[in-house]
C-alpha atoms as a PDB file:
ATOM      1  CA  MET A   1     -92.682 188.972 133.786  1.00  0.00           C
ATOM      2  CA  SER A   2     -93.663 185.077 134.064  1.00  0.00           C
ATOM      3  CA  SER A   3     -93.544 183.392 137.281  1.00  0.00           C
ATOM      4  CA  ARG A   4     -91.185 180.867 135.632  1.00  0.00           C
ATOM      5  CA  CYS A   5     -88.554 183.802 134.800  1.00  0.00           C
ATOM      6  CA  ARG A   6     -89.083 185.304 138.285  1.00  0.00           C
ATOM      7  CA  GLU A   7     -88.297 181.765 139.674  1.00  0.00           C
ATOM      8  CA  GLY A   8     -85.358 181.433 137.468  1.00  0.00           C
ATOM      9  CA  GLY A   9     -83.923 184.722 138.592  1.00  0.00           C
ATOM     10  CA  ARG A  10     -84.233 183.924 142.214  1.00  0.00           C
ATOM     11  CA  VAL A  11     -82.390 180.679 141.472  1.00  0.00           C
ATOM     12  CA  ARG A  12     -79.517 182.587 139.796  1.00  0.00           C
ATOM     13  CA  VAL A  13     -79.183 185.176 142.725  1.00  0.00           C
ATOM     14  CA  ALA A  14     -79.354 182.170 145.244  1.00  0.00           C
ATOM     15  CA  ALA A  15     -76.609 180.279 143.274  1.00  0.00           C
ATOM     16  CA  LEU A  16     -74.486 183.452 143.294  1.00  0.00           C
ATOM     17  CA  VAL A  17     -74.926 184.044 147.045  1.00  0.00           C
ATOM     18  CA  LEU A  18     -73.749 180.518 147.703  1.00  0.00           C
ATOM     19  CA  ALA A  19     -70.806 180.913 145.320  1.00  0.00           C
ATOM     20  CA  ALA A  20     -69.738 183.932 147.135  1.00  0.00           C
ATOM     21  CA  ALA A  21     -70.097 182.372 150.439  1.00  0.00           C
ATOM     22  CA  SER A  22     -68.034 179.394 149.235  1.00  0.00           C
ATOM     23  CA  ALA A  23     -65.276 181.773 147.873  1.00  0.00           C
ATOM     24  CA  ALA A  24     -65.120 183.673 151.226  1.00  0.00           C
ATOM     25  CA  SER A  25     -64.671 180.219 153.035  1.00  0.00           C
ATOM     26  CA  VAL A  26     -61.887 179.162 150.772  1.00  0.00           C
ATOM     27  CA  ALA A  27     -60.042 182.599 151.454  1.00  0.00           C
ATOM     28  CA  GLY A  28     -60.554 182.206 155.128  1.00  0.00           C
ATOM     29  CA  LEU A  29     -63.594 184.158 155.931  1.00  0.00           C
ATOM     30  CA  PRO A  30     -65.563 184.306 157.814  1.00  0.00           C
ATOM     31  CA  GLY A  31     -63.560 182.119 160.127  1.00  0.00           C
ATOM     32  CA  THR A  32     -63.218 178.765 158.653  1.00  0.00           C
ATOM     33  CA  VAL A  33     -60.808 177.287 155.955  1.00  0.00           C
ATOM     34  CA  GLN A  34     -61.460 174.659 153.443  1.00  0.00           C
ATOM     35  CA  GLY A  35     -59.230 171.692 153.984  1.00  0.00           C
ATOM     36  CA  PRO A  36     -56.537 171.151 156.707  1.00  0.00           C
ATOM     37  CA  LEU A  37     -54.174 174.045 157.952  1.00  0.00           C
ATOM     38  CA  ARG A  38     -51.031 173.147 156.223  1.00  0.00           C
ATOM     39  CA  VAL A  39     -48.112 174.188 158.674  1.00  0.00           C
ATOM     40  CA  CYS A  40     -44.319 173.745 158.253  1.00  0.00           C
ATOM     41  CA  ALA A  41     -42.251 173.052 161.340  1.00  0.00           C
ATOM     42  CA  ASP A  42     -39.083 171.553 162.547  1.00  0.00           C
ATOM     43  CA  PRO A  43     -39.693 167.979 163.792  1.00  0.00           C
ATOM     44  CA  ALA A  44     -36.978 168.252 166.470  1.00  0.00           C
ATOM     45  CA  ASN A  45     -37.005 171.767 167.747  1.00  0.00           C
ATOM     46  CA  LEU A  46     -38.319 171.746 171.404  1.00  0.00           C
ATOM     47  CA  PRO A  47     -39.760 173.690 172.814  1.00  0.00           C
ATOM     48  CA  PHE A  48     -41.206 175.019 169.810  1.00  0.00           C
ATOM     49  CA  SER A  49     -41.944 172.009 167.636  1.00  0.00           C
ATOM     50  CA  SER A  50     -41.614 168.375 167.584  1.00  0.00           C
ATOM     51  CA  ALA A  51     -42.860 165.325 165.345  1.00  0.00           C
ATOM     52  CA  ASP A  52     -45.000 164.263 168.235  1.00  0.00           C
ATOM     53  CA  GLU A  53     -46.629 167.773 168.147  1.00  0.00           C
ATOM     54  CA  SER A  54     -45.697 168.407 171.792  1.00  0.00           C
ATOM     55  CA  GLY A  55     -43.863 171.744 171.207  1.00  0.00           C
ATOM     56  CA  PHE A  56     -45.952 175.093 172.222  1.00  0.00           C
ATOM     57  CA  GLU A  57     -45.858 176.245 168.571  1.00  0.00           C
ATOM     58  CA  ASN A  58     -47.641 172.747 167.648  1.00  0.00           C
ATOM     59  CA  ARG A  59     -50.244 173.273 170.468  1.00  0.00           C
ATOM     60  CA  VAL A  60     -50.940 177.158 169.276  1.00  0.00           C
ATOM     61  CA  ALA A  61     -51.320 175.851 165.835  1.00  0.00           C
ATOM     62  CA  LYS A  62     -53.860 173.334 166.732  1.00  0.00           C
ATOM     63  CA  LEU A  63     -55.691 175.903 168.776  1.00  0.00           C
ATOM     64  CA  VAL A  64     -55.843 178.303 165.866  1.00  0.00           C
ATOM     65  CA  ALA A  65     -56.877 175.244 163.384  1.00  0.00           C
ATOM     66  CA  ALA A  66     -59.716 174.389 165.777  1.00  0.00           C
ATOM     67  CA  GLU A  67     -60.842 178.199 165.572  1.00  0.00           C
ATOM     68  CA  LEU A  68     -60.860 178.000 161.937  1.00  0.00           C
ATOM     69  CA  GLY A  69     -62.917 174.883 161.610  1.00  0.00           C
ATOM     70  CA  THR A  70     -60.063 172.575 160.427  1.00  0.00           C
ATOM     71  CA  ASP A  71     -57.071 170.429 161.805  1.00  0.00           C
ATOM     72  CA  VAL A  72     -53.366 170.797 161.139  1.00  0.00           C
ATOM     73  CA  ARG A  73     -51.498 168.924 158.670  1.00  0.00           C
ATOM     74  CA  TYR A  74     -47.428 169.235 158.794  1.00  0.00           C
ATOM     75  CA  TYR A  75     -44.725 169.344 156.539  1.00  0.00           C
ATOM     76  CA  TRP A  76     -41.626 168.774 158.425  1.00  0.00           C
ATOM     77  CA  TRP A  77     -38.384 170.711 157.756  1.00  0.00           C
ATOM     78  CA  PRO A  78     -35.370 171.507 159.803  1.00  0.00           C
ATOM     79  CA  GLN A  79     -35.260 175.145 161.021  1.00  0.00           C
ATOM     80  CA  ARG A  80     -32.132 176.396 159.630  1.00  0.00           C
ATOM     81  CA  ARG A  81     -31.336 179.220 157.152  1.00  0.00           C
ATOM     82  CA  GLY A  82     -33.454 178.874 153.941  1.00  0.00           C
ATOM     83  CA  PHE A  83     -36.314 177.560 155.966  1.00  0.00           C
ATOM     84  CA  VAL A  84     -38.880 179.962 154.385  1.00  0.00           C
ATOM     85  CA  ARG A  85     -37.539 179.493 150.809  1.00  0.00           C
ATOM     86  CA  ASN A  86     -37.953 175.658 151.394  1.00  0.00           C
ATOM     87  CA  THR A  87     -41.387 175.569 152.840  1.00  0.00           C
ATOM     88  CA  LEU A  88     -43.658 178.667 152.218  1.00  0.00           C
ATOM     89  CA  ASP A  89     -42.046 179.539 149.150  1.00  0.00           C
ATOM     90  CA  ALA A  90     -41.972 176.130 147.801  1.00  0.00           C
ATOM     91  CA  ARG A  91     -45.707 175.908 148.541  1.00  0.00           C
ATOM     92  CA  VAL A  92     -45.473 172.616 150.611  1.00  0.00           C
ATOM     93  CA  CYS A  93     -47.216 174.592 153.444  1.00  0.00           C
ATOM     94  CA  ASP A  94     -49.121 177.732 153.788  1.00  0.00           C
ATOM     95  CA  VAL A  95     -48.240 178.793 157.530  1.00  0.00           C
ATOM     96  CA  VAL A  96     -45.262 179.039 159.688  1.00  0.00           C
ATOM     97  CA  ALA A  97     -45.347 179.804 163.319  1.00  0.00           C
ATOM     98  CA  GLY A  98     -42.726 181.437 165.487  1.00  0.00           C
ATOM     99  CA  ILE A  99     -41.608 184.110 162.734  1.00  0.00           C
ATOM    100  CA  PRO A 100     -40.268 187.666 163.969  1.00  0.00           C
ATOM    101  CA  ALA A 101     -43.152 190.084 163.026  1.00  0.00           C
ATOM    102  CA  GLN A 102     -40.906 192.420 161.141  1.00  0.00           C
ATOM    103  CA  SER A 103     -39.840 189.718 158.685  1.00  0.00           C
ATOM    104  CA  ASP A 104     -39.811 191.209 155.182  1.00  0.00           C
ATOM    105  CA  ALA A 105     -39.966 187.995 153.118  1.00  0.00           C
ATOM    106  CA  VAL A 106     -43.446 187.047 154.571  1.00  0.00           C
ATOM    107  CA  LEU A 107     -46.752 188.320 155.567  1.00  0.00           C
ATOM    108  CA  THR A 108     -47.222 188.271 159.431  1.00  0.00           C
ATOM    109  CA  THR A 109     -50.085 188.055 161.905  1.00  0.00           C
ATOM    110  CA  PRO A 110     -50.165 190.268 165.063  1.00  0.00           C
ATOM    111  CA  PRO A 111     -47.503 189.011 167.323  1.00  0.00           C
ATOM    112  CA  TYR A 112     -48.705 186.321 169.966  1.00  0.00           C
ATOM    113  CA  TYR A 113     -45.603 186.586 172.141  1.00  0.00           C
ATOM    114  CA  HIS A 114     -42.456 188.385 172.591  1.00  0.00           C
ATOM    115  CA  ALA A 115     -38.901 187.047 173.609  1.00  0.00           C
ATOM    116  CA  GLY A 116     -35.267 187.864 173.581  1.00  0.00           C
ATOM    117  CA  TYR A 117     -31.904 186.539 174.255  1.00  0.00           C
ATOM    118  CA  VAL A 118     -30.710 185.751 177.948  1.00  0.00           C
ATOM    119  CA  PHE A 119     -27.575 184.870 179.729  1.00  0.00           C
ATOM    120  CA  ALA A 120     -27.942 181.324 181.384  1.00  0.00           C
ATOM    121  CA  TYR A 121     -25.278 180.523 183.856  1.00  0.00           C
ATOM    122  CA  ARG A 122     -24.795 178.778 187.062  1.00  0.00           C
ATOM    123  CA  PRO A 123     -25.103 181.168 190.004  1.00  0.00           C
ATOM    124  CA  ASP A 124     -22.757 179.071 192.073  1.00  0.00           C
ATOM    125  CA  ARG A 125     -19.967 179.708 189.628  1.00  0.00           C
ATOM    126  CA  VAL A 126     -21.069 183.312 188.237  1.00  0.00           C
ATOM    127  CA  PRO A 127     -22.978 185.154 190.501  1.00  0.00           C
ATOM    128  CA  ALA A 128     -25.317 187.957 189.385  1.00  0.00           C
ATOM    129  CA  LEU A 129     -24.048 188.362 185.642  1.00  0.00           C
ATOM    130  CA  ARG A 130     -26.613 190.885 184.170  1.00  0.00           C
ATOM    131  CA  SER A 131     -24.765 192.673 181.172  1.00  0.00           C
ATOM    132  CA  TYR A 132     -22.585 192.466 178.110  1.00  0.00           C
ATOM    133  CA  ASP A 133     -20.336 195.177 179.825  1.00  0.00           C
ATOM    134  CA  ASP A 134     -19.724 193.022 182.771  1.00  0.00           C
ATOM    135  CA  ALA A 135     -15.712 192.866 182.947  1.00  0.00           C
ATOM    136  CA  ARG A 136     -15.841 189.255 183.965  1.00  0.00           C
ATOM    137  CA  LEU A 137     -17.178 188.155 180.436  1.00  0.00           C
ATOM    138  CA  ALA A 138     -13.427 188.688 179.224  1.00  0.00           C
ATOM    139  CA  LYS A 139     -12.327 185.684 181.357  1.00  0.00           C
ATOM    140  CA  LEU A 140     -15.385 183.588 181.282  1.00  0.00           C
ATOM    141  CA  ARG A 141     -16.105 180.765 178.556  1.00  0.00           C
ATOM    142  CA  VAL A 142     -18.950 182.159 176.876  1.00  0.00           C
ATOM    143  CA  GLY A 143     -21.255 180.056 174.399  1.00  0.00           C
ATOM    144  CA  VAL A 144     -23.251 181.610 171.554  1.00  0.00           C
ATOM    145  CA  PRO A 145     -25.680 179.972 168.934  1.00  0.00           C
ATOM    146  CA  LEU A 146     -24.744 180.068 165.333  1.00  0.00           C
ATOM    147  CA  VAL A 147     -27.078 179.918 162.477  1.00  0.00           C
ATOM    148  CA  GLY A 148     -26.876 178.809 158.782  1.00  0.00           C
ATOM    149  CA  ASN A 149     -24.473 176.596 156.802  1.00  0.00           C
ATOM    150  CA  ASP A 150     -21.951 179.688 157.094  1.00  0.00           C
ATOM    151  CA  MET A 151     -22.173 179.745 160.861  1.00  0.00           C
ATOM    152  CA  ALA A 152     -23.390 183.363 160.966  1.00  0.00           C
ATOM    153  CA  ALA A 153     -23.359 184.959 164.204  1.00  0.00           C
ATOM    154  CA  THR A 154     -26.494 185.632 166.019  1.00  0.00           C
ATOM    155  CA  PRO A 155     -27.526 189.090 167.976  1.00  0.00           C
ATOM    156  CA  PRO A 156     -25.385 187.855 171.229  1.00  0.00           C
ATOM    157  CA  GLY A 157     -22.357 186.952 169.097  1.00  0.00           C
ATOM    158  CA  GLN A 158     -22.501 190.195 167.396  1.00  0.00           C
ATOM    159  CA  ALA A 159     -22.979 192.128 170.883  1.00  0.00           C
ATOM    160  CA  LEU A 160     -19.915 190.211 172.232  1.00  0.00           C
ATOM    161  CA  ALA A 161     -17.880 191.010 169.192  1.00  0.00           C
ATOM    162  CA  ARG A 162     -18.472 194.771 169.184  1.00  0.00           C
ATOM    163  CA  ARG A 163     -16.881 194.636 172.656  1.00  0.00           C
ATOM    164  CA  GLY A 164     -13.904 192.699 171.627  1.00  0.00           C
ATOM    165  CA  LEU A 165     -14.933 189.830 173.243  1.00  0.00           C
ATOM    166  CA  THR A 166     -13.928 187.086 170.799  1.00  0.00           C
ATOM    167  CA  GLU A 167     -11.043 184.762 172.103  1.00  0.00           C
ATOM    168  CA  ASN A 168     -12.986 183.210 174.918  1.00  0.00           C
ATOM    169  CA  VAL A 169     -16.376 182.823 172.791  1.00  0.00           C
ATOM    170  CA  ILE A 170     -17.406 179.252 171.647  1.00  0.00           C
ATOM    171  CA  GLY A 171     -19.679 179.003 168.854  1.00  0.00           C
ATOM    172  CA  TYR A 172     -22.399 176.257 168.558  1.00  0.00           C
ATOM    173  CA  ALA A 173     -23.440 175.209 165.209  1.00  0.00           C
ATOM    174  CA  PRO A 174     -27.018 174.218 164.283  1.00  0.00           C
ATOM    175  CA  LEU A 175     -25.979 170.809 162.934  1.00  0.00           C
ATOM    176  CA  GLY A 176     -25.761 168.249 165.370  1.00  0.00           C
ATOM    177  CA  ALA A 177     -27.378 165.182 167.080  1.00  0.00           C
ATOM    178  CA  THR A 178     -29.174 167.469 169.484  1.00  0.00           C
ATOM    179  CA  ALA A 179     -30.472 171.003 169.578  1.00  0.00           C
ATOM    180  CA  VAL A 180     -27.903 173.810 170.004  1.00  0.00           C
ATOM    181  CA  ALA A 181     -29.548 175.134 173.399  1.00  0.00           C
ATOM    182  CA  GLU A 182     -29.547 171.389 174.648  1.00  0.00           C
ATOM    183  CA  ARG A 183     -25.814 171.110 173.900  1.00  0.00           C
ATOM    184  CA  MET A 184     -25.117 174.430 175.514  1.00  0.00           C
ATOM    185  CA  VAL A 185     -27.011 173.642 178.684  1.00  0.00           C
ATOM    186  CA  ALA A 186     -25.046 170.346 178.980  1.00  0.00           C
ATOM    187  CA  ALA A 187     -21.824 172.388 178.614  1.00  0.00           C
ATOM    188  CA  LEU A 188     -23.082 174.538 181.576  1.00  0.00           C
ATOM    189  CA  ALA A 189     -23.529 171.361 183.504  1.00  0.00           C
ATOM    190  CA  ASP A 190     -19.994 169.910 182.854  1.00  0.00           C
ATOM    191  CA  GLY A 191     -18.233 173.140 183.063  1.00  0.00           C
ATOM    192  CA  THR A 192     -17.267 173.565 179.458  1.00  0.00           C
ATOM    193  CA  LEU A 193     -19.176 176.863 179.468  1.00  0.00           C
ATOM    194  CA  ASP A 194     -19.492 179.414 182.112  1.00  0.00           C
ATOM    195  CA  VAL A 195     -22.147 181.253 180.326  1.00  0.00           C
ATOM    196  CA  ALA A 196     -24.558 180.562 177.481  1.00  0.00           C
ATOM    197  CA  LEU A 197     -26.461 183.062 175.430  1.00  0.00           C
ATOM    198  CA  LEU A 198     -29.658 181.458 174.512  1.00  0.00           C
ATOM    199  CA  TRP A 199     -33.001 182.300 173.061  1.00  0.00           C
ATOM    200  CA  GLU A 200     -35.332 182.817 176.106  1.00  0.00           C
ATOM    201  CA  PRO A 201     -37.953 180.042 175.327  1.00  0.00           C
ATOM    202  CA  GLN A 202     -35.162 177.504 174.802  1.00  0.00           C
ATOM    203  CA  ALA A 203     -33.314 178.782 177.969  1.00  0.00           C
ATOM    204  CA  ARG A 204     -36.332 178.447 180.183  1.00  0.00           C
ATOM    205  CA  TYR A 205     -37.251 174.986 178.583  1.00  0.00           C
ATOM    206  CA  TYR A 206     -33.946 173.325 179.220  1.00  0.00           C
ATOM    207  CA  ALA A 207     -33.068 175.060 182.567  1.00  0.00           C
ATOM    208  CA  ARG A 208     -36.259 173.558 184.024  1.00  0.00           C
ATOM    209  CA  ARG A 209     -34.966 170.098 183.297  1.00  0.00           C
ATOM    210  CA  GLN A 210     -31.613 170.299 185.103  1.00  0.00           C
ATOM    211  CA  ASP A 211     -30.826 168.938 188.635  1.00  0.00           C
ATOM    212  CA  PHE A 212     -28.681 172.063 189.128  1.00  0.00           C
ATOM    213  CA  GLU A 213     -29.774 175.806 189.123  1.00  0.00           C
ATOM    214  CA  ILE A 214     -29.378 177.896 186.091  1.00  0.00           C
ATOM    215  CA  ALA A 215     -30.070 181.643 186.474  1.00  0.00           C
ATOM    216  CA  LEU A 216     -31.452 183.535 183.562  1.00  0.00           C
ATOM    217  CA  ALA A 217     -31.111 187.336 182.847  1.00  0.00           C
ATOM    218  CA  PRO A 218     -32.198 189.210 179.807  1.00  0.00           C
ATOM    219  CA  ALA A 219     -29.245 190.069 177.537  1.00  0.00           C
ATOM    220  CA  HIS A 220     -29.822 193.711 176.927  1.00  0.00           C
ATOM    221  CA  ASP A 221     -27.813 195.603 174.281  1.00  0.00           C
ATOM    222  CA  ALA A 222     -28.116 199.278 173.352  1.00  0.00           C
ATOM    223  CA  GLU A 223     -27.303 198.825 169.656  1.00  0.00           C
ATOM    224  CA  GLU A 224     -29.472 195.834 169.033  1.00  0.00           C
ATOM    225  CA  SER A 225     -33.175 195.132 169.471  1.00  0.00           C
ATOM    226  CA  ASP A 226     -33.246 192.770 172.563  1.00  0.00           C
ATOM    227  CA  ASP A 227     -37.019 191.998 172.302  1.00  0.00           C
ATOM    228  CA  PHE A 228     -38.515 190.130 169.296  1.00  0.00           C
ATOM    229  CA  ALA A 229     -42.319 190.110 168.445  1.00  0.00           C
ATOM    230  CA  MET A 230     -43.196 186.410 167.210  1.00  0.00           C
ATOM    231  CA  SER A 231     -46.039 185.802 164.761  1.00  0.00           C
ATOM    232  CA  MET A 232     -47.407 183.602 162.357  1.00  0.00           C
ATOM    233  CA  ALA A 233     -46.335 184.019 158.762  1.00  0.00           C
ATOM    234  CA  VAL A 234     -47.889 183.308 155.449  1.00  0.00           C
ATOM    235  CA  ARG A 235     -46.730 184.177 151.688  1.00  0.00           C
ATOM    236  CA  ARG A 236     -46.934 187.808 151.060  1.00  0.00           C
ATOM    237  CA  ASP A 237     -49.964 187.424 148.657  1.00  0.00           C
ATOM    238  CA  ASP A 238     -51.940 185.419 151.075  1.00  0.00           C
ATOM    239  CA  VAL A 239     -53.868 188.230 152.550  1.00  0.00           C
ATOM    240  CA  ALA A 240     -56.976 186.514 153.270  1.00  0.00           C
ATOM    241  CA  LEU A 241     -55.205 183.694 155.232  1.00  0.00           C
ATOM    242  CA  ARG A 242     -53.271 186.094 157.310  1.00  0.00           C
ATOM    243  CA  ALA A 243     -56.759 187.842 158.107  1.00  0.00           C
ATOM    244  CA  ALA A 244     -58.202 184.498 159.149  1.00  0.00           C
ATOM    245  CA  LEU A 245     -55.330 183.475 161.268  1.00  0.00           C
ATOM    246  CA  SER A 246     -55.181 186.921 162.938  1.00  0.00           C
ATOM    247  CA  ASP A 247     -58.867 186.665 163.982  1.00  0.00           C
ATOM    248  CA  ALA A 248     -58.363 183.055 165.030  1.00  0.00           C
ATOM    249  CA  LEU A 249     -55.481 184.101 167.217  1.00  0.00           C
ATOM    250  CA  ALA A 250     -57.525 186.819 168.906  1.00  0.00           C
ATOM    251  CA  ARG A 251     -60.385 184.392 169.552  1.00  0.00           C
ATOM    252  CA  ALA A 252     -58.082 181.791 170.939  1.00  0.00           C
ATOM    253  CA  ALA A 253     -56.084 184.344 173.071  1.00  0.00           C
ATOM    254  CA  PRO A 254     -56.965 182.976 176.611  1.00  0.00           C
ATOM    255  CA  ARG A 255     -56.025 179.343 175.644  1.00  0.00           C
ATOM    256  CA  ILE A 256     -52.863 180.455 173.775  1.00  0.00           C
ATOM    257  CA  ASP A 257     -51.920 182.420 176.901  1.00  0.00           C
ATOM    258  CA  ALA A 258     -52.349 179.269 179.030  1.00  0.00           C
ATOM    259  CA  VAL A 259     -50.148 177.315 176.729  1.00  0.00           C
ATOM    260  CA  LEU A 260     -47.489 180.012 176.748  1.00  0.00           C
ATOM    261  CA  ARG A 261     -47.373 180.271 180.462  1.00  0.00           C
ATOM    262  CA  GLU A 262     -46.486 176.698 180.820  1.00  0.00           C
ATOM    263  CA  TYR A 263     -43.253 177.698 179.007  1.00  0.00           C
ATOM    264  CA  GLY A 264     -42.430 180.706 181.137  1.00  0.00           C
ATOM    265  CA  LEU A 265     -43.956 183.103 178.289  1.00  0.00           C
ATOM    266  CA  GLN A 266     -46.749 185.278 178.152  1.00  0.00           C
ATOM    267  CA  SER A 267     -49.147 186.113 175.246  1.00  0.00           C
ATOM    268  CA  THR A 268     -49.260 189.464 173.936  1.00  0.00           C
ATOM    269  CA  LEU A 269     -52.862 188.875 172.358  1.00  0.00           C
ATOM    270  CA  GLN A 270     -54.664 190.066 175.599  1.00  0.00           C
END
């Protein structure tokens, strides 16, 4: 074989190696991605996300993007029913943060925090509330969040309904000038509600911002899961990106834990 042929062979082999490395990088391996990390989020959904990127999901996404050697580009969409259909499925983004790990419609990373629903109440008005089976709930004004355009019940609403507690329950629709949790905490302040059943991260966020005490207690229900593992999500065929995100979450675990602790939450990555 001539030296020219051997040289040509080496060039072709080198080209193939470079092409393979490039393809791995595009696919999210070995730890970088090509272009920005395209994330869909609600622009007005604190403490999770905000247009000014101050929510904890914004901050987690930024940490993950840094591990992948890129930055975040947002597509903003209200967090309501049909969110995944209008974002991931529409391919206007590639990642959504804060999705239940058991979601069937998407591919999820290992969870990075757990949370559940809590009773939020003023202890000077309703002392020591701890259970859906507390007889006082039949006489108290209880607020529950609703979801979707059809105002479907959330797990707390379903738990109350199973106990025949419907007459004194007030549902809060997702459509409004402010977030559901913010409106419910305001109702605790002015006495419109005695108890608010809230998603834990929201309850902790708004409780800290009041000039009166709000007690929080886990809302356990034997017939429903009361603890939800939360993950990042990608489309079901985006296996490589899920792997890259999972690795990035693991590498950024100490910094993610520090962010979550600011909101009264704890990372499950360590």
